């Protein structure tokens, strides 16, 4: 296929939305902001664990374990992990 033909086909493709599925959708407001903040906390905490050499599945399992032990949400466990990093030594 030549590029002219490919360009004509582009009009039938939906626009790409990279990582759009990762954020909750809904009307703007406090609930949506809180959901996004929770996801961001989990994402950052998982990133810390990944940097420590954990595979992705193990990092999420570790956050779930921390949440269960603390009797809290995964987002709160993620925030606690991040707070540990920022605590004075």
PDB file of N, CA and C in Angstrom:
ATOM      1  N   UNK A   1       0.832  -1.183   0.000  1.00  0.00           N
ATOM      2  CA  UNK A   1       0.000   0.000   0.000  1.00  0.00           C
ATOM      3  C   UNK A   1       0.876   1.245   0.000  1.00  0.00           C
ATOM      4  N   UNK A   2       0.478   2.205  -0.785  1.00  0.00           N
ATOM      5  CA  UNK A   2       1.257   3.435  -0.778  1.00  0.00           C
ATOM      6  C   UNK A   2       0.738   4.385   0.304  1.00  0.00           C
ATOM      7  N   UNK A   3       1.492   5.434   0.573  1.00  0.00           N
ATOM      8  CA  UNK A   3       1.132   6.346   1.662  1.00  0.00           C
ATOM      9  C   UNK A   3      -0.163   7.100   1.393  1.00  0.00           C
ATOM     10  N   UNK A   4      -0.483   7.360   0.151  1.00  0.00           N
ATOM     11  CA  UNK A   4      -1.736   8.046  -0.163  1.00  0.00           C
ATOM     12  C   UNK A   4      -2.918   7.198   0.270  1.00  0.00           C
ATOM     13  N   UNK A   5      -2.845   5.925  -0.008  1.00  0.00           N
ATOM     14  CA  UNK A   5      -3.923   5.016   0.388  1.00  0.00           C
ATOM     15  C   UNK A   5      -4.020   4.938   1.908  1.00  0.00           C
ATOM     16  N   UNK A   6      -2.875   4.867   2.596  1.00  0.00           N
ATOM     17  CA  UNK A   6      -2.884   4.811   4.060  1.00  0.00           C
ATOM     18  C   UNK A   6      -3.482   6.077   4.659  1.00  0.00           C
ATOM     19  N   UNK A   7      -3.154   7.216   4.080  1.00  0.00           N
ATOM     20  CA  UNK A   7      -3.704   8.477   4.578  1.00  0.00           C
ATOM     21  C   UNK A   7      -5.220   8.505   4.435  1.00  0.00           C
ATOM     22  N   UNK A   8      -5.740   7.932   3.385  1.00  0.00           N
ATOM     23  CA  UNK A   8      -7.189   7.878   3.199  1.00  0.00           C
ATOM     24  C   UNK A   8      -7.837   6.982   4.250  1.00  0.00           C
ATOM     25  N   UNK A   9      -7.141   5.920   4.648  1.00  0.00           N
ATOM     26  CA  UNK A   9      -7.680   5.009   5.658  1.00  0.00           C
ATOM     27  C   UNK A   9      -7.658   5.622   7.058  1.00  0.00           C
ATOM     28  N   UNK A  10      -6.772   6.581   7.301  1.00  0.00           N
ATOM     29  CA  UNK A  10      -6.663   7.191   8.626  1.00  0.00           C
ATOM     30  C   UNK A  10      -7.971   7.823   9.089  1.00  0.00           C
ATOM     31  N   UNK A  11      -8.776   8.306   8.183  1.00  0.00           N
ATOM     32  CA  UNK A  11     -10.019   8.968   8.595  1.00  0.00           C
ATOM     33  C   UNK A  11     -11.011   7.989   9.228  1.00  0.00           C
ATOM     34  N   UNK A  12     -10.805   6.679   9.016  1.00  0.00           N
ATOM     35  CA  UNK A  12     -11.701   5.689   9.594  1.00  0.00           C
ATOM     36  C   UNK A  12     -11.205   5.180  10.952  1.00  0.00           C
ATOM     37  N   UNK A  13      -9.992   5.534  11.314  1.00  0.00           N
ATOM     38  CA  UNK A  13      -9.443   5.099  12.597  1.00  0.00           C
ATOM     39  C   UNK A  13      -9.842   6.082  13.684  1.00  0.00           C
ATOM     40  N   UNK A  14     -10.215   5.571  14.855  1.00  0.00           N
ATOM     41  CA  UNK A  14     -10.500   6.488  15.963  1.00  0.00           C
ATOM     42  C   UNK A  14      -9.211   7.141  16.441  1.00  0.00           C
ATOM     43  N   UNK A  15      -9.330   8.324  16.996  1.00  0.00           N
ATOM     44  CA  UNK A  15      -8.153   9.010  17.531  1.00  0.00           C
ATOM     45  C   UNK A  15      -7.612   8.221  18.718  1.00  0.00           C
ATOM     46  N   UNK A  16      -6.309   8.139  18.812  1.00  0.00           N
ATOM     47  CA  UNK A  16      -5.683   7.430  19.920  1.00  0.00           C
ATOM     48  C   UNK A  16      -5.816   8.232  21.199  1.00  0.00           C
ATOM     49  N   UNK A  17      -6.060   7.523  22.292  1.00  0.00           N
ATOM     50  CA  UNK A  17      -6.123   8.159  23.607  1.00  0.00           C
ATOM     51  C   UNK A  17      -5.268   7.316  24.544  1.00  0.00           C
ATOM     52  N   UNK A  18      -3.984   7.606  24.570  1.00  0.00           N
ATOM     53  CA  UNK A  18      -3.043   6.824  25.351  1.00  0.00           C
ATOM     54  C   UNK A  18      -3.390   6.903  26.832  1.00  0.00           C
ATOM     55  N   UNK A  19      -3.474   5.760  27.480  1.00  0.00           N
ATOM     56  CA  UNK A  19      -3.745   5.627  28.913  1.00  0.00           C
ATOM     57  C   UNK A  19      -5.065   6.248  29.355  1.00  0.00           C
ATOM     58  N   UNK A  20      -5.937   6.571  28.439  1.00  0.00           N
ATOM     59  CA  UNK A  20      -7.223   7.184  28.791  1.00  0.00           C
ATOM     60  C   UNK A  20      -8.038   6.266  29.703  1.00  0.00           C
ATOM     61  N   UNK A  21      -7.909   4.964  29.522  1.00  0.00           N
ATOM     62  CA  UNK A  21      -8.676   4.006  30.318  1.00  0.00           C
ATOM     63  C   UNK A  21      -8.210   3.941  31.767  1.00  0.00           C
ATOM     64  N   UNK A  22      -7.043   4.505  32.075  1.00  0.00           N
ATOM     65  CA  UNK A  22      -6.510   4.397  33.422  1.00  0.00           C
ATOM     66  C   UNK A  22      -7.150   5.365  34.406  1.00  0.00           C
ATOM     67  N   UNK A  23      -7.744   6.416  33.933  1.00  0.00           N
ATOM     68  CA  UNK A  23      -8.347   7.421  34.806  1.00  0.00           C
ATOM     69  C   UNK A  23      -9.848   7.247  34.848  1.00  0.00           C
ATOM     70  N   UNK A  24     -10.434   7.370  36.028  1.00  0.00           N
ATOM     71  CA  UNK A  24     -11.888   7.261  36.113  1.00  0.00           C
ATOM     72  C   UNK A  24     -12.551   8.429  35.398  1.00  0.00           C
ATOM     73  N   UNK A  25     -13.641   8.142  34.756  1.00  0.00           N
ATOM     74  CA  UNK A  25     -14.387   9.187  34.063  1.00  0.00           C
ATOM     75  C   UNK A  25     -15.561   9.606  34.928  1.00  0.00           C
ATOM     76  N   UNK A  26     -16.056  10.752  34.678  1.00  0.00           N
ATOM     77  CA  UNK A  26     -17.212  11.221  35.415  1.00  0.00           C
ATOM     78  C   UNK A  26     -17.228  12.729  35.438  1.00  0.00           C
ATOM     79  N   UNK A  27     -18.282  13.269  36.014  1.00  0.00           N
ATOM     80  CA  UNK A  27     -18.358  14.727  36.077  1.00  0.00           C
ATOM     81  C   UNK A  27     -17.296  15.264  37.040  1.00  0.00           C
ATOM     82  N   UNK A  28     -16.735  16.426  36.719  1.00  0.00           N
ATOM     83  CA  UNK A  28     -15.730  17.000  37.606  1.00  0.00           C
ATOM     84  C   UNK A  28     -16.323  17.247  38.990  1.00  0.00           C
ATOM     85  N   UNK A  29     -15.516  17.108  39.990  1.00  0.00           N
ATOM     86  CA  UNK A  29     -15.968  17.349  41.348  1.00  0.00           C
ATOM     87  C   UNK A  29     -15.068  16.653  42.342  1.00  0.00           C
ATOM     88  N   UNK A  30     -15.430  16.757  43.609  1.00  0.00           N
ATOM     89  CA  UNK A  30     -14.575  16.184  44.663  1.00  0.00           C
ATOM     90  C   UNK A  30     -14.394  14.671  44.551  1.00  0.00           C
ATOM     91  N   UNK A  31     -15.426  13.941  44.174  1.00  0.00           N
ATOM     92  CA  UNK A  31     -15.309  12.477  44.086  1.00  0.00           C
ATOM     93  C   UNK A  31     -14.326  12.077  42.993  1.00  0.00           C
ATOM     94  N   UNK A  32     -14.404  12.735  41.853  1.00  0.00           N
ATOM     95  CA  UNK A  32     -13.483  12.429  40.757  1.00  0.00           C
ATOM     96  C   UNK A  32     -12.059  12.814  41.140  1.00  0.00           C
ATOM     97  N   UNK A  33     -11.902  13.952  41.776  1.00  0.00           N
ATOM     98  CA  UNK A  33     -10.570  14.382  42.208  1.00  0.00           C
ATOM     99  C   UNK A  33      -9.981  13.399  43.208  1.00  0.00           C
ATOM    100  N   UNK A  34     -10.792  12.917  44.125  1.00  0.00           N
ATOM    101  CA  UNK A  34     -10.319  11.955  45.124  1.00  0.00           C
ATOM    102  C   UNK A  34      -9.926  10.638  44.460  1.00  0.00           C
ATOM    103  N   UNK A  35     -10.731  10.182  43.497  1.00  0.00           N
ATOM    104  CA  UNK A  35     -10.418   8.936  42.798  1.00  0.00           C
ATOM    105  C   UNK A  35      -9.101   9.062  42.041  1.00  0.00           C
ATOM    106  N   UNK A  36      -8.888  10.193  41.412  1.00  0.00           N
ATOM    107  CA  UNK A  36      -7.637  10.392  40.673  1.00  0.00           C
ATOM    108  C   UNK A  36      -6.454  10.490  41.623  1.00  0.00           C
ATOM    109  N   UNK A  37      -6.642  11.123  42.759  1.00  0.00           N
ATOM    110  CA  UNK A  37      -5.563  11.219  43.750  1.00  0.00           C
ATOM    111  C   UNK A  37      -5.217   9.836  44.294  1.00  0.00           C
ATOM    112  N   UNK A  38      -6.233   8.995  44.516  1.00  0.00           N
ATOM    113  CA  UNK A  38      -5.991   7.625  44.979  1.00  0.00           C
ATOM    114  C   UNK A  38      -5.192   6.835  43.949  1.00  0.00           C
ATOM    115  N   UNK A  39      -5.589   6.929  42.695  1.00  0.00           N
ATOM    116  CA  UNK A  39      -4.869   6.212  41.636  1.00  0.00           C
ATOM    117  C   UNK A  39      -3.436   6.702  41.514  1.00  0.00           C
ATOM    118  N   UNK A  40      -3.240   8.006  41.660  1.00  0.00           N
ATOM    119  CA  UNK A  40      -1.891   8.563  41.573  1.00  0.00           C
ATOM    120  C   UNK A  40      -1.024   8.061  42.722  1.00  0.00           C
ATOM    121  N   UNK A  41      -1.590   7.960  43.928  1.00  0.00           N
ATOM    122  CA  UNK A  41      -0.833   7.468  45.083  1.00  0.00           C
ATOM    123  C   UNK A  41      -0.418   6.012  44.871  1.00  0.00           C
ATOM    124  N   UNK A  42      -1.332   5.206  44.383  1.00  0.00           N
ATOM    125  CA  UNK A  42      -1.020   3.791  44.124  1.00  0.00           C
ATOM    126  C   UNK A  42       0.040   3.696  43.032  1.00  0.00           C
ATOM    127  N   UNK A  43      -0.096   4.497  41.996  1.00  0.00           N
ATOM    128  CA  UNK A  43       0.858   4.474  40.889  1.00  0.00           C
ATOM    129  C   UNK A  43       2.255   4.860  41.366  1.00  0.00           C
ATOM    130  N   UNK A  44       2.362   5.925  42.157  1.00  0.00           N
ATOM    131  CA  UNK A  44       3.671   6.357  42.651  1.00  0.00           C
ATOM    132  C   UNK A  44       4.280   5.315  43.592  1.00  0.00           C
ATOM    133  N   UNK A  45       3.460   4.763  44.492  1.00  0.00           N
ATOM    134  CA  UNK A  45       3.966   3.752  45.427  1.00  0.00           C
ATOM    135  C   UNK A  45       4.411   2.501  44.679  1.00  0.00           C
ATOM    136  N   UNK A  46       3.642   2.089  43.682  1.00  0.00           N
ATOM    137  CA  UNK A  46       4.042   0.928  42.877  1.00  0.00           C
ATOM    138  C   UNK A  46       5.353   1.224  42.160  1.00  0.00           C
ATOM    139  N   UNK A  47       5.521   2.454  41.701  1.00  0.00           N
ATOM    140  CA  UNK A  47       6.769   2.843  41.053  1.00  0.00           C
ATOM    141  C   UNK A  47       7.965   2.724  41.982  1.00  0.00           C
ATOM    142  N   UNK A  48       7.768   3.095  43.244  1.00  0.00           N
ATOM    143  CA  UNK A  48       8.838   2.955  44.232  1.00  0.00           C
ATOM    144  C   UNK A  48       9.224   1.488  44.379  1.00  0.00           C
ATOM    145  N   UNK A  49       8.223   0.645  44.491  1.00  0.00           N
ATOM    146  CA  UNK A  49       8.491  -0.789  44.647  1.00  0.00           C
ATOM    147  C   UNK A  49       9.142  -1.375  43.400  1.00  0.00           C
ATOM    148  N   UNK A  50       8.731  -0.901  42.231  1.00  0.00           N
ATOM    149  CA  UNK A  50       9.361  -1.347  40.990  1.00  0.00           C
ATOM    150  C   UNK A  50      10.832  -0.946  40.957  1.00  0.00           C
ATOM    151  N   UNK A  51      11.125   0.273  41.418  1.00  0.00           N
ATOM    152  CA  UNK A  51      12.516   0.729  41.464  1.00  0.00           C
ATOM    153  C   UNK A  51      13.345  -0.123  42.415  1.00  0.00           C
ATOM    154  N   UNK A  52      12.698  -0.681  43.422  1.00  0.00           N
ATOM    155  CA  UNK A  52      13.396  -1.551  44.370  1.00  0.00           C
ATOM    156  C   UNK A  52      13.592  -2.962  43.802  1.00  0.00           C
ATOM    157  N   UNK A  53      13.117  -3.180  42.577  1.00  0.00           N
ATOM    158  CA  UNK A  53      13.353  -4.450  41.907  1.00  0.00           C
ATOM    159  C   UNK A  53      12.193  -5.426  41.917  1.00  0.00           C
ATOM    160  N   UNK A  54      11.052  -5.035  42.437  1.00  0.00           N
ATOM    161  CA  UNK A  54       9.895  -5.934  42.450  1.00  0.00           C
ATOM    162  C   UNK A  54       9.246  -5.966  41.072  1.00  0.00           C
ATOM    163  N   UNK A  55       8.795  -7.127  40.639  1.00  0.00           N
ATOM    164  CA  UNK A  55       7.973  -7.175  39.427  1.00  0.00           C
ATOM    165  C   UNK A  55       6.640  -6.471  39.693  1.00  0.00           C
ATOM    166  N   UNK A  56       5.975  -6.050  38.644  1.00  0.00           N
ATOM    167  CA  UNK A  56       4.732  -5.278  38.778  1.00  0.00           C
ATOM    168  C   UNK A  56       3.685  -6.013  39.614  1.00  0.00           C
ATOM    169  N   UNK A  57       3.477  -7.286  39.347  1.00  0.00           N
ATOM    170  CA  UNK A  57       2.464  -8.038  40.096  1.00  0.00           C
ATOM    171  C   UNK A  57       2.816  -8.126  41.575  1.00  0.00           C
ATOM    172  N   UNK A  58       4.100  -8.300  41.875  1.00  0.00           N
ATOM    173  CA  UNK A  58       4.539  -8.377  43.270  1.00  0.00           C
ATOM    174  C   UNK A  58       4.381  -7.032  43.968  1.00  0.00           C
ATOM    175  N   UNK A  59       4.615  -5.939  43.243  1.00  0.00           N
ATOM    176  CA  UNK A  59       4.463  -4.606  43.826  1.00  0.00           C
ATOM    177  C   UNK A  59       3.011  -4.366  44.223  1.00  0.00           C
ATOM    178  N   UNK A  60       2.090  -4.705  43.343  1.00  0.00           N
ATOM    179  CA  UNK A  60       0.670  -4.521  43.669  1.00  0.00           C
ATOM    180  C   UNK A  60       0.238  -5.456  44.785  1.00  0.00           C
ATOM    181  N   UNK A  61       0.762  -6.685  44.793  1.00  0.00           N
ATOM    182  CA  UNK A  61       0.450  -7.615  45.874  1.00  0.00           C
ATOM    183  C   UNK A  61       0.980  -7.083  47.199  1.00  0.00           C
ATOM    184  N   UNK A  62       2.160  -6.464  47.179  1.00  0.00           N
ATOM    185  CA  UNK A  62       2.726  -5.893  48.393  1.00  0.00           C
ATOM    186  C   UNK A  62       1.855  -4.744  48.910  1.00  0.00           C
ATOM    187  N   UNK A  63       1.372  -3.910  48.009  1.00  0.00           N
ATOM    188  CA  UNK A  63       0.487  -2.813  48.435  1.00  0.00           C
ATOM    189  C   UNK A  63      -0.814  -3.362  49.013  1.00  0.00           C
ATOM    190  N   UNK A  64      -1.344  -4.411  48.404  1.00  0.00           N
ATOM    191  CA  UNK A  64      -2.562  -5.035  48.942  1.00  0.00           C
ATOM    192  C   UNK A  64      -2.304  -5.608  50.338  1.00  0.00           C
ATOM    193  N   UNK A  65      -1.153  -6.249  50.504  1.00  0.00           N
ATOM    194  CA  UNK A  65      -0.784  -6.825  51.804  1.00  0.00           C
ATOM    195  C   UNK A  65      -0.654  -5.731  52.859  1.00  0.00           C
ATOM    196  N   UNK A  66       0.015  -4.638  52.509  1.00  0.00           N
ATOM    197  CA  UNK A  66       0.160  -3.511  53.427  1.00  0.00           C
ATOM    198  C   UNK A  66      -1.206  -2.945  53.814  1.00  0.00           C
ATOM    199  N   UNK A  67      -2.089  -2.844  52.833  1.00  0.00           N
ATOM    200  CA  UNK A  67      -3.429  -2.320  53.107  1.00  0.00           C
ATOM    201  C   UNK A  67      -4.195  -3.239  54.048  1.00  0.00           C
ATOM    202  N   UNK A  68      -4.100  -4.533  53.797  1.00  0.00           N
ATOM    203  CA  UNK A  68      -4.806  -5.500  54.641  1.00  0.00           C
ATOM    204  C   UNK A  68      -4.277  -5.472  56.073  1.00  0.00           C
ATOM    205  N   UNK A  69      -2.960  -5.427  56.217  1.00  0.00           N
ATOM    206  CA  UNK A  69      -2.368  -5.383  57.559  1.00  0.00           C
ATOM    207  C   UNK A  69      -2.765  -4.124  58.320  1.00  0.00           C
ATOM    208  N   UNK A  70      -2.892  -3.011  57.601  1.00  0.00           N
ATOM    209  CA  UNK A  70      -3.243  -1.742  58.242  1.00  0.00           C
ATOM    210  C   UNK A  70      -4.748  -1.555  58.343  1.00  0.00           C
ATOM    211  N   UNK A  71      -5.517  -2.442  57.718  1.00  0.00           N
ATOM    212  CA  UNK A  71      -6.973  -2.295  57.728  1.00  0.00           C
ATOM    213  C   UNK A  71      -7.434  -1.058  56.986  1.00  0.00           C
ATOM    214  N   UNK A  72      -6.781  -0.793  55.859  1.00  0.00           N
ATOM    215  CA  UNK A  72      -7.083   0.417  55.101  1.00  0.00           C
ATOM    216  C   UNK A  72      -7.132   0.110  53.602  1.00  0.00           C
ATOM    217  N   UNK A  73      -7.240   1.134  52.807  1.00  0.00           N
ATOM    218  CA  UNK A  73      -7.301   0.963  51.352  1.00  0.00           C
ATOM    219  C   UNK A  73      -5.902   0.845  50.766  1.00  0.00           C
ATOM    220  N   UNK A  74      -5.842   0.382  49.541  1.00  0.00           N
ATOM    221  CA  UNK A  74      -4.560   0.294  48.845  1.00  0.00           C
ATOM    222  C   UNK A  74      -3.993   1.696  48.640  1.00  0.00           C
ATOM    223  N   UNK A  75      -4.851   2.660  48.367  1.00  0.00           N
ATOM    224  CA  UNK A  75      -4.385   4.036  48.179  1.00  0.00           C
ATOM    225  C   UNK A  75      -3.754   4.567  49.463  1.00  0.00           C
ATOM    226  N   UNK A  76      -4.390   4.291  50.612  1.00  0.00           N
ATOM    227  CA  UNK A  76      -3.826   4.747  51.893  1.00  0.00           C
ATOM    228  C   UNK A  76      -2.507   4.042  52.180  1.00  0.00           C
ATOM    229  N   UNK A  77      -2.414   2.767  51.830  1.00  0.00           N
ATOM    230  CA  UNK A  77      -1.153   2.038  52.007  1.00  0.00           C
ATOM    231  C   UNK A  77      -0.069   2.637  51.118  1.00  0.00           C
ATOM    232  N   UNK A  78      -0.438   3.017  49.915  1.00  0.00           N
ATOM    233  CA  UNK A  78       0.509   3.666  49.014  1.00  0.00           C
ATOM    234  C   UNK A  78       0.984   4.992  49.559  1.00  0.00           C
ATOM    235  N   UNK A  79       0.053   5.773  50.107  1.00  0.00           N
ATOM    236  CA  UNK A  79       0.429   7.058  50.710  1.00  0.00           C
ATOM    237  C   UNK A  79       1.361   6.846  51.911  1.00  0.00           C
ATOM    238  N   UNK A  80       1.093   5.802  52.700  1.00  0.00           N
ATOM    239  CA  UNK A  80       1.940   5.514  53.861  1.00  0.00           C
ATOM    240  C   UNK A  80       3.364   5.154  53.405  1.00  0.00           C
ATOM    241  N   UNK A  81       3.470   4.369  52.344  1.00  0.00           N
ATOM    242  CA  UNK A  81       4.776   4.011  51.812  1.00  0.00           C
ATOM    243  C   UNK A  81       5.516   5.263  51.348  1.00  0.00           C
ATOM    244  N   UNK A  82       4.810   6.136  50.658  1.00  0.00           N
ATOM    245  CA  UNK A  82       5.431   7.375  50.183  1.00  0.00           C
ATOM    246  C   UNK A  82       5.844   8.260  51.359  1.00  0.00           C
ATOM    247  N   UNK A  83       5.037   8.283  52.407  1.00  0.00           N
ATOM    248  CA  UNK A  83       5.362   9.083  53.588  1.00  0.00           C
ATOM    249  C   UNK A  83       6.623   8.557  54.270  1.00  0.00           C
ATOM    250  N   UNK A  84       6.787   7.214  54.275  1.00  0.00           N
ATOM    251  CA  UNK A  84       7.993   6.617  54.857  1.00  0.00           C
ATOM    252  C   UNK A  84       9.250   7.118  54.136  1.00  0.00           C
ATOM    253  N   UNK A  85       9.141   7.308  52.831  1.00  0.00           N
ATOM    254  CA  UNK A  85      10.289   7.772  52.060  1.00  0.00           C
ATOM    255  C   UNK A  85      10.656   9.210  52.413  1.00  0.00           C
ATOM    256  N   UNK A  86       9.636  10.000  52.763  1.00  0.00           N
ATOM    257  CA  UNK A  86       9.846  11.415  53.040  1.00  0.00           C
ATOM    258  C   UNK A  86      10.069  11.705  54.517  1.00  0.00           C
ATOM    259  N   UNK A  87       9.989  10.668  55.357  1.00  0.00           N
ATOM    260  CA  UNK A  87      10.172  10.871  56.790  1.00  0.00           C
ATOM    261  C   UNK A  87      11.637  11.187  57.087  1.00  0.00           C
ATOM    262  N   UNK A  88      11.855  12.097  58.037  1.00  0.00           N
ATOM    263  CA  UNK A  88      13.248  12.390  58.397  1.00  0.00           C
ATOM    264  C   UNK A  88      13.916  11.168  59.025  1.00  0.00           C
ATOM    265  N   UNK A  89      15.188  10.984  58.745  1.00  0.00           N
ATOM    266  CA  UNK A  89      15.892   9.815  59.289  1.00  0.00           C
ATOM    267  C   UNK A  89      16.591  10.136  60.582  1.00  0.00           C
TER     268      UNK A  89
END
